[in-house]
Amino acid sequence: MRKLSNRELAHVAAMLSLLVLGVRCGPELQEESDDAHFTTQNALLVAERRALQLCVELDPALEGQSEQLLRALEQDVAALAEAHPDWQSAGFGRAPVRVQRGCPGAAMPSGRMQAKGEKLGPGLTSRPSPFRTFVHILGEAKAQEVLGDEPAVRAHAELMRVDEHMAAEVSTSLVIRASALGTEALRQTWLPTGVGLKTLGESAGPASPDSVK
């Protein structure tokens, strides 16, 4: 991993202050939507979501490193916020980002996960959680079982019915190996994909939500 310049460190520190404030401020954003509406106006995908929120599930083998790993993820999100040209247009700049331990359902992956079509999370729901992204961080032994040699895999976490025949993904599960935290691959490819943005270097604009018939 390349060494950050003093200017980059200052930007990351500033973004982390927003993340910390977001975690510590009032609980009102933690409530589920009573009457949720799907939207493509921003990358949050649920009209009632007012901020980008990520929940985190940790491999039990990593429990002793929980604070360090959450801090590393916050740094990666802060770096993405600083670098991605679509952060504001995606609706992520309207309020501080929140990173929280514990996801609805607390599902952890088991067995090998494929790159497409996997589901890991609450599934189809009419009341999506506030969390745009469910992050699952795995130790090396579990990661080898679930990911093989891949650094991460993306899956559906929550799907919301948008009409009689189709449901759209409104929350993404991102399963990553702990050693991927802090890497350029995570910051430029996997994390953008996990929050609904184009990977860095792709054409501008939030990624389209996946739909399931």
Protein backbone atom coordinates (compact mmCIF):
# COMPACT_ATOMS: atom_id res chain seq x y z
CA MET A 1 0.00 0.00 0.00
CA ARG A 2 1.46 3.41 -1.01
CA LYS A 3 2.30 5.97 1.66
CA LEU A 4 -0.14 8.87 1.84
CA SER A 5 1.15 12.42 1.49
CA ASN A 6 0.60 14.95 4.29
CA ARG A 7 -2.16 16.58 2.22
CA GLU A 8 -3.93 13.26 1.72
CA LEU A 9 -3.61 12.43 5.42
CA ALA A 10 -5.18 15.76 6.29
CA HIS A 11 -8.13 15.04 4.01
CA VAL A 12 -8.57 11.56 5.47
CA ALA A 13 -8.42 12.96 9.01
CA ALA A 14 -11.09 15.50 8.13
CA MET A 15 -13.34 12.83 6.68
CA LEU A 16 -12.79 10.58 9.70
CA SER A 17 -13.97 13.37 11.97
CA LEU A 18 -17.25 13.33 10.05
CA LEU A 19 -17.44 9.56 10.37
CA VAL A 20 -16.88 9.68 14.12
CA LEU A 21 -19.48 12.40 14.50
CA GLY A 22 -21.85 10.30 12.44
CA VAL A 23 -21.41 7.28 14.68
CA ARG A 24 -21.88 9.26 17.89
CA CYS A 25 -24.76 11.54 16.94
CA GLY A 26 -28.39 10.81 17.80
CA PRO A 27 -30.04 7.46 17.03
CA GLU A 28 -32.86 8.76 14.87
CA LEU A 29 -31.28 7.50 11.64
CA GLN A 30 -31.12 3.95 12.98
CA GLU A 31 -34.86 3.38 12.68
CA GLU A 32 -36.34 1.36 9.83
CA SER A 33 -38.68 3.01 7.35
CA ASP A 34 -42.36 2.47 8.18
CA ASP A 35 -43.47 3.41 4.67
CA ALA A 36 -40.48 2.97 2.39
CA HIS A 37 -40.27 4.14 -1.20
CA PHE A 38 -37.79 2.98 -3.82
CA THR A 39 -35.94 5.77 -5.62
CA THR A 40 -33.32 6.07 -8.34
CA GLN A 41 -32.72 9.76 -7.59
CA ASN A 42 -29.64 8.85 -5.55
CA ALA A 43 -27.54 5.82 -4.66
CA LEU A 44 -29.21 5.39 -1.25
CA LEU A 45 -32.12 3.78 -3.21
CA VAL A 46 -34.69 4.26 -0.42
CA ALA A 47 -36.23 7.74 -0.28
CA GLU A 48 -36.44 7.70 3.52
CA ARG A 49 -32.69 7.11 3.97
CA ARG A 50 -31.03 10.38 4.88
CA ALA A 51 -27.38 9.30 5.07
CA LEU A 52 -25.02 6.61 3.87
CA GLN A 53 -24.89 3.99 6.61
CA LEU A 54 -22.83 0.80 6.69
CA CYS A 55 -23.25 -2.01 9.21
CA VAL A 56 -20.44 -4.45 9.96
CA GLU A 57 -20.39 -8.12 10.91
CA LEU A 58 -17.06 -9.59 12.03
CA ASP A 59 -15.78 -13.13 11.81
CA PRO A 60 -15.67 -14.35 15.46
CA ALA A 61 -11.99 -15.14 14.91
CA LEU A 62 -11.38 -11.38 14.56
CA GLU A 63 -13.21 -10.29 17.71
CA GLY A 64 -10.04 -9.16 19.44
CA GLN A 65 -9.28 -6.81 16.52
CA SER A 66 -12.75 -5.28 16.24
CA GLU A 67 -11.80 -1.66 16.99
CA GLN A 68 -8.79 -1.77 14.69
CA LEU A 69 -10.82 -3.26 11.82
CA LEU A 70 -13.69 -0.80 12.17
CA ARG A 71 -11.20 2.06 12.19
CA ALA A 72 -9.56 0.69 9.03
CA LEU A 73 -12.93 0.48 7.29
CA GLU A 74 -13.74 4.05 8.32
CA GLN A 75 -10.43 5.15 6.79
CA ASP A 76 -11.27 3.37 3.55
CA VAL A 77 -14.70 5.03 3.39
CA ALA A 78 -13.14 8.41 4.11
CA ALA A 79 -10.59 7.92 1.34
CA LEU A 80 -13.37 6.94 -1.08
CA ALA A 81 -15.41 10.00 -0.13
CA GLU A 82 -12.41 12.18 -0.88
CA ALA A 83 -11.50 10.52 -4.17
CA HIS A 84 -14.78 9.64 -5.88
CA PRO A 85 -16.15 12.32 -8.22
CA ASP A 86 -19.74 11.09 -7.81
CA TRP A 87 -19.85 11.10 -3.99
CA GLN A 88 -21.98 14.23 -3.77
CA SER A 89 -24.28 13.47 -6.71
CA ALA A 90 -24.94 10.02 -5.24
CA GLY A 91 -26.49 11.69 -2.17
CA PHE A 92 -23.72 10.65 0.20
CA GLY A 93 -22.66 14.17 1.12
CA ARG A 94 -25.97 15.23 2.63
CA ALA A 95 -25.07 13.96 6.12
CA PRO A 96 -22.10 12.31 7.88
CA VAL A 97 -21.43 8.70 6.95
CA ARG A 98 -22.23 6.19 9.69
CA VAL A 99 -20.38 2.92 10.29
CA GLN A 100 -21.98 0.67 12.90
CA ARG A 101 -21.18 -2.72 14.35
CA GLY A 102 -24.01 -5.23 13.90
CA CYS A 103 -26.27 -5.88 10.90
CA PRO A 104 -29.97 -6.87 10.78
CA GLY A 105 -30.18 -10.63 10.87
CA ALA A 106 -26.47 -10.91 11.74
CA ALA A 107 -25.98 -13.37 8.86
CA MET A 108 -22.44 -14.57 8.17
CA PRO A 109 -21.43 -16.33 4.96
CA SER A 110 -20.76 -20.07 4.89
CA GLY A 111 -19.46 -22.09 1.99
CA ARG A 112 -18.00 -20.73 -1.22
CA MET A 113 -19.69 -17.59 -2.56
CA GLN A 114 -19.85 -16.89 -6.27
CA ALA A 115 -19.41 -13.51 -7.96
CA LYS A 116 -23.01 -13.20 -9.20
CA GLY A 117 -26.47 -13.74 -7.79
CA GLU A 118 -25.58 -14.52 -4.19
CA LYS A 119 -27.83 -13.37 -1.34
CA LEU A 120 -26.57 -12.62 2.17
CA GLY A 121 -28.88 -10.69 4.45
CA PRO A 122 -32.60 -10.14 5.13
CA GLY A 123 -33.62 -10.67 1.50
CA LEU A 124 -36.98 -9.45 0.16
CA THR A 125 -38.54 -6.85 2.46
CA SER A 126 -41.09 -4.05 2.39
CA ARG A 127 -39.27 -2.24 5.22
CA PRO A 128 -35.60 -1.98 4.26
CA SER A 129 -33.08 -1.17 6.96
CA PRO A 130 -31.24 2.17 7.05
CA PHE A 131 -28.06 0.41 5.89
CA ARG A 132 -27.05 0.81 2.26
CA THR A 133 -24.21 -1.67 2.70
CA PHE A 134 -23.72 -4.72 4.93
CA VAL A 135 -19.96 -5.35 5.33
CA HIS A 136 -18.77 -8.79 6.42
CA ILE A 137 -15.09 -8.93 7.42
CA LEU A 138 -13.48 -12.38 7.45
CA GLY A 139 -10.27 -13.74 8.91
CA GLU A 140 -7.94 -15.61 6.58
CA ALA A 141 -9.19 -19.13 7.32
CA LYS A 142 -12.85 -18.20 6.84
CA ALA A 143 -12.01 -16.03 3.84
CA GLN A 144 -10.29 -18.94 2.12
CA GLU A 145 -13.43 -21.04 2.62
CA VAL A 146 -15.82 -18.34 1.41
CA LEU A 147 -13.79 -16.27 -1.06
CA GLY A 148 -11.03 -18.56 -2.25
CA ASP A 149 -8.29 -16.31 -3.60
CA GLU A 150 -10.59 -13.32 -4.20
CA PRO A 151 -10.23 -10.24 -1.96
CA ALA A 152 -14.01 -9.72 -1.77
CA VAL A 153 -17.39 -10.63 -3.24
CA ARG A 154 -20.59 -8.64 -3.63
CA ALA A 155 -24.04 -10.08 -2.86
CA HIS A 156 -27.66 -8.94 -2.43
CA ALA A 157 -28.53 -7.99 1.16
CA GLU A 158 -32.03 -6.50 0.85
CA LEU A 159 -34.45 -6.51 -2.08
CA MET A 160 -37.51 -4.30 -2.30
CA ARG A 161 -40.56 -4.89 -4.51
CA VAL A 162 -40.84 -2.09 -7.08
CA ASP A 163 -43.78 -3.51 -9.05
CA GLU A 164 -45.80 -6.69 -9.37
CA HIS A 165 -43.10 -8.54 -11.26
CA MET A 166 -39.78 -7.07 -10.14
CA ALA A 167 -37.74 -6.41 -7.01
CA ALA A 168 -34.65 -4.20 -6.85
CA GLU A 169 -31.62 -4.46 -4.64
CA VAL A 170 -31.67 -1.63 -2.08
CA SER A 171 -28.88 -2.89 0.20
CA THR A 172 -25.66 -4.64 -0.80
CA SER A 173 -23.61 -7.19 1.11
CA LEU A 174 -19.86 -6.83 0.70
CA VAL A 175 -17.84 -9.78 1.99
CA ILE A 176 -14.16 -8.96 2.35
CA ARG A 177 -11.06 -10.54 3.82
CA ALA A 178 -9.54 -8.50 6.63
CA SER A 179 -6.24 -8.23 4.76
CA ALA A 180 -8.01 -6.30 1.97
CA LEU A 181 -8.68 -3.33 4.26
CA GLY A 182 -6.51 -0.37 3.33
CA THR A 183 -5.69 -1.65 -0.15
CA GLU A 184 -6.18 0.18 -3.43
CA ALA A 185 -8.30 -2.72 -4.73
CA LEU A 186 -10.79 -2.23 -1.91
CA ARG A 187 -10.86 1.56 -2.18
CA GLN A 188 -11.02 1.75 -5.96
CA THR A 189 -13.12 -1.30 -6.87
CA TRP A 190 -14.88 -3.22 -4.12
CA LEU A 191 -15.96 -0.44 -1.77
CA PRO A 192 -17.40 1.75 -4.56
CA THR A 193 -19.29 -1.28 -5.86
CA GLY A 194 -20.54 -2.03 -2.37
CA VAL A 195 -22.09 1.41 -1.89
CA GLY A 196 -23.50 1.66 -5.40
CA LEU A 197 -20.89 3.79 -7.16
CA LYS A 198 -18.94 3.12 -10.31
CA THR A 199 -15.45 1.85 -9.65
CA LEU A 200 -12.84 4.58 -9.81
CA GLY A 201 -11.81 4.99 -13.43
CA GLU A 202 -15.21 3.97 -14.84
CA SER A 203 -17.63 6.40 -16.45
CA ALA A 204 -19.27 8.87 -14.07
CA GLY A 205 -22.55 8.26 -12.27
CA PRO A 206 -23.88 5.91 -9.59
CA ALA A 207 -24.18 2.27 -10.58
CA SER A 208 -27.68 1.08 -11.44
CA PRO A 209 -29.38 -1.04 -8.75
CA ASP A 210 -29.67 -4.73 -9.57
CA SER A 211 -33.18 -5.96 -10.26
CA VAL A 212 -34.59 -9.43 -9.74
CA LYS A 213 -37.76 -10.60 -11.47
